[in-house]
């Protein structure tokens, strides 16, 4: 019943045409926003959990967001091959 009313009114004026289009895509817009929000939140949780796990092995004082391997690799430390890196605190 509501759909018939919207389709009938859509032919009367440009304003009713815009209202009908908005009614048609507003549900999909809500689904899109929920999906993007859920995906972003999942990505933040995944990256944050990995970063917090790397904190157990020490932090890089110059760049705290790097893990042990990346910190030693960026400093070109020759002893980092053995697992001993002077850059990680």
C-alpha atoms as a PDB file:
ATOM      1  CA  UNK A   1       0.000   0.000   0.000  1.00  0.00           C
ATOM      2  CA  UNK A   2       2.741   2.473   0.934  1.00  0.00           C
ATOM      3  CA  UNK A   3       4.814   1.520  -2.084  1.00  0.00           C
ATOM      4  CA  UNK A   4       1.872   2.146  -4.443  1.00  0.00           C
ATOM      5  CA  UNK A   5       1.336   5.565  -2.872  1.00  0.00           C
ATOM      6  CA  UNK A   6       5.007   6.517  -3.298  1.00  0.00           C
ATOM      7  CA  UNK A   7       5.114   5.323  -6.907  1.00  0.00           C
ATOM      8  CA  UNK A   8       1.900   7.213  -7.728  1.00  0.00           C
ATOM      9  CA  UNK A   9       3.083  10.434  -6.030  1.00  0.00           C
ATOM     10  CA  UNK A  10       6.492  10.195  -7.718  1.00  0.00           C
ATOM     11  CA  UNK A  11       4.956  11.151 -11.043  1.00  0.00           C
ATOM     12  CA  UNK A  12       3.330  14.339  -9.741  1.00  0.00           C
ATOM     13  CA  UNK A  13       6.310  16.592  -8.951  1.00  0.00           C
ATOM     14  CA  UNK A  14      10.087  16.690  -8.743  1.00  0.00           C
ATOM     15  CA  UNK A  15       9.918  16.985  -4.944  1.00  0.00           C
ATOM     16  CA  UNK A  16       7.882  13.783  -4.716  1.00  0.00           C
ATOM     17  CA  UNK A  17      10.363  12.110  -7.072  1.00  0.00           C
ATOM     18  CA  UNK A  18      13.221  13.020  -4.703  1.00  0.00           C
ATOM     19  CA  UNK A  19      11.212  11.806  -1.701  1.00  0.00           C
ATOM     20  CA  UNK A  20      10.567   8.500  -3.456  1.00  0.00           C
ATOM     21  CA  UNK A  21      14.235   8.059  -4.344  1.00  0.00           C
ATOM     22  CA  UNK A  22      15.237   8.835  -0.773  1.00  0.00           C
ATOM     23  CA  UNK A  23      12.761   6.277   0.515  1.00  0.00           C
ATOM     24  CA  UNK A  24      14.219   3.683  -1.868  1.00  0.00           C
ATOM     25  CA  UNK A  25      17.893   4.098  -0.958  1.00  0.00           C
ATOM     26  CA  UNK A  26      17.733   5.090   2.714  1.00  0.00           C
ATOM     27  CA  UNK A  27      17.642   1.471   3.888  1.00  0.00           C
ATOM     28  CA  UNK A  28      20.679   0.590   1.774  1.00  0.00           C
ATOM     29  CA  UNK A  29      22.517   3.625   3.111  1.00  0.00           C
ATOM     30  CA  UNK A  30      21.929   2.386   6.653  1.00  0.00           C
ATOM     31  CA  UNK A  31      23.234  -1.079   5.732  1.00  0.00           C
ATOM     32  CA  UNK A  32      26.316   0.483   4.108  1.00  0.00           C
ATOM     33  CA  UNK A  33      27.110   2.633   7.148  1.00  0.00           C
ATOM     34  CA  UNK A  34      26.732  -0.300   9.542  1.00  0.00           C
ATOM     35  CA  UNK A  35      29.023  -2.433   7.351  1.00  0.00           C
ATOM     36  CA  UNK A  36      31.714   0.233   7.057  1.00  0.00           C
ATOM     37  CA  UNK A  37      31.592   0.895  10.805  1.00  0.00           C
ATOM     38  CA  UNK A  38      31.822  -2.805  11.657  1.00  0.00           C
ATOM     39  CA  UNK A  39      34.722  -3.316   9.242  1.00  0.00           C
ATOM     40  CA  UNK A  40      36.631  -0.325  10.591  1.00  0.00           C
ATOM     41  CA  UNK A  41      36.112  -1.429  14.171  1.00  0.00           C
ATOM     42  CA  UNK A  42      37.266  -4.969  13.350  1.00  0.00           C
ATOM     43  CA  UNK A  43      40.405  -3.597  11.685  1.00  0.00           C
ATOM     44  CA  UNK A  44      41.238  -1.376  14.663  1.00  0.00           C
ATOM     45  CA  UNK A  45      40.772  -4.294  17.065  1.00  0.00           C
ATOM     46  CA  UNK A  46      42.958  -6.589  14.930  1.00  0.00           C
ATOM     47  CA  UNK A  47      45.796  -4.083  14.568  1.00  0.00           C
ATOM     48  CA  UNK A  48      45.557  -3.056  18.224  1.00  0.00           C
ATOM     49  CA  UNK A  49      45.660  -6.647  19.460  1.00  0.00           C
ATOM     50  CA  UNK A  50      48.732  -7.419  17.356  1.00  0.00           C
ATOM     51  CA  UNK A  51      50.476  -4.257  18.546  1.00  0.00           C
ATOM     52  CA  UNK A  52      49.688  -4.974  22.201  1.00  0.00           C
ATOM     53  CA  UNK A  53      51.047  -8.522  21.799  1.00  0.00           C
ATOM     54  CA  UNK A  54      54.298  -7.099  20.405  1.00  0.00           C
ATOM     55  CA  UNK A  55      54.661  -4.890  23.502  1.00  0.00           C
ATOM     56  CA  UNK A  56      55.596  -8.011  25.487  1.00  0.00           C
ATOM     57  CA  UNK A  57      58.867  -8.224  23.562  1.00  0.00           C
ATOM     58  CA  UNK A  58      59.849  -4.591  24.134  1.00  0.00           C
ATOM     59  CA  UNK A  59      59.325  -1.230  22.513  1.00  0.00           C
ATOM     60  CA  UNK A  60      61.336   0.760  20.033  1.00  0.00           C
ATOM     61  CA  UNK A  61      62.083   4.123  21.707  1.00  0.00           C
ATOM     62  CA  UNK A  62      62.345   6.079  18.447  1.00  0.00           C
ATOM     63  CA  UNK A  63      59.220   4.631  16.822  1.00  0.00           C
ATOM     64  CA  UNK A  64      56.919   2.994  19.372  1.00  0.00           C
ATOM     65  CA  UNK A  65      54.550   1.574  16.737  1.00  0.00           C
ATOM     66  CA  UNK A  66      57.217  -0.783  15.323  1.00  0.00           C
ATOM     67  CA  UNK A  67      57.637  -4.321  16.615  1.00  0.00           C
ATOM     68  CA  UNK A  68      61.031  -5.810  17.509  1.00  0.00           C
ATOM     69  CA  UNK A  69      61.823  -7.120  14.037  1.00  0.00           C
ATOM     70  CA  UNK A  70      60.928  -3.885  12.271  1.00  0.00           C
ATOM     71  CA  UNK A  71      62.803  -1.760  14.826  1.00  0.00           C
ATOM     72  CA  UNK A  72      66.001  -3.732  14.415  1.00  0.00           C
ATOM     73  CA  UNK A  73      65.609  -3.856  10.642  1.00  0.00           C
ATOM     74  CA  UNK A  74      65.175  -0.079  10.359  1.00  0.00           C
ATOM     75  CA  UNK A  75      68.262   0.569  12.496  1.00  0.00           C
ATOM     76  CA  UNK A  76      70.504  -1.682  10.311  1.00  0.00           C
ATOM     77  CA  UNK A  77      71.822  -3.327  13.466  1.00  0.00           C
ATOM     78  CA  UNK A  78      74.149  -6.202  12.484  1.00  0.00           C
ATOM     79  CA  UNK A  79      73.561  -8.071  15.739  1.00  0.00           C
ATOM     80  CA  UNK A  80      69.816  -8.244  15.114  1.00  0.00           C
ATOM     81  CA  UNK A  81      70.315 -11.466  13.138  1.00  0.00           C
ATOM     82  CA  UNK A  82      71.062 -13.334  16.408  1.00  0.00           C
ATOM     83  CA  UNK A  83      67.942 -11.942  18.026  1.00  0.00           C
ATOM     84  CA  UNK A  84      69.846  -9.379  20.096  1.00  0.00           C
ATOM     85  CA  UNK A  85      69.011  -5.859  19.090  1.00  0.00           C
ATOM     86  CA  UNK A  86      70.312  -2.844  20.964  1.00  0.00           C
ATOM     87  CA  UNK A  87      67.442  -0.637  19.740  1.00  0.00           C
ATOM     88  CA  UNK A  88      64.661  -2.489  21.586  1.00  0.00           C
ATOM     89  CA  UNK A  89      64.154  -1.562  25.216  1.00  0.00           C
END
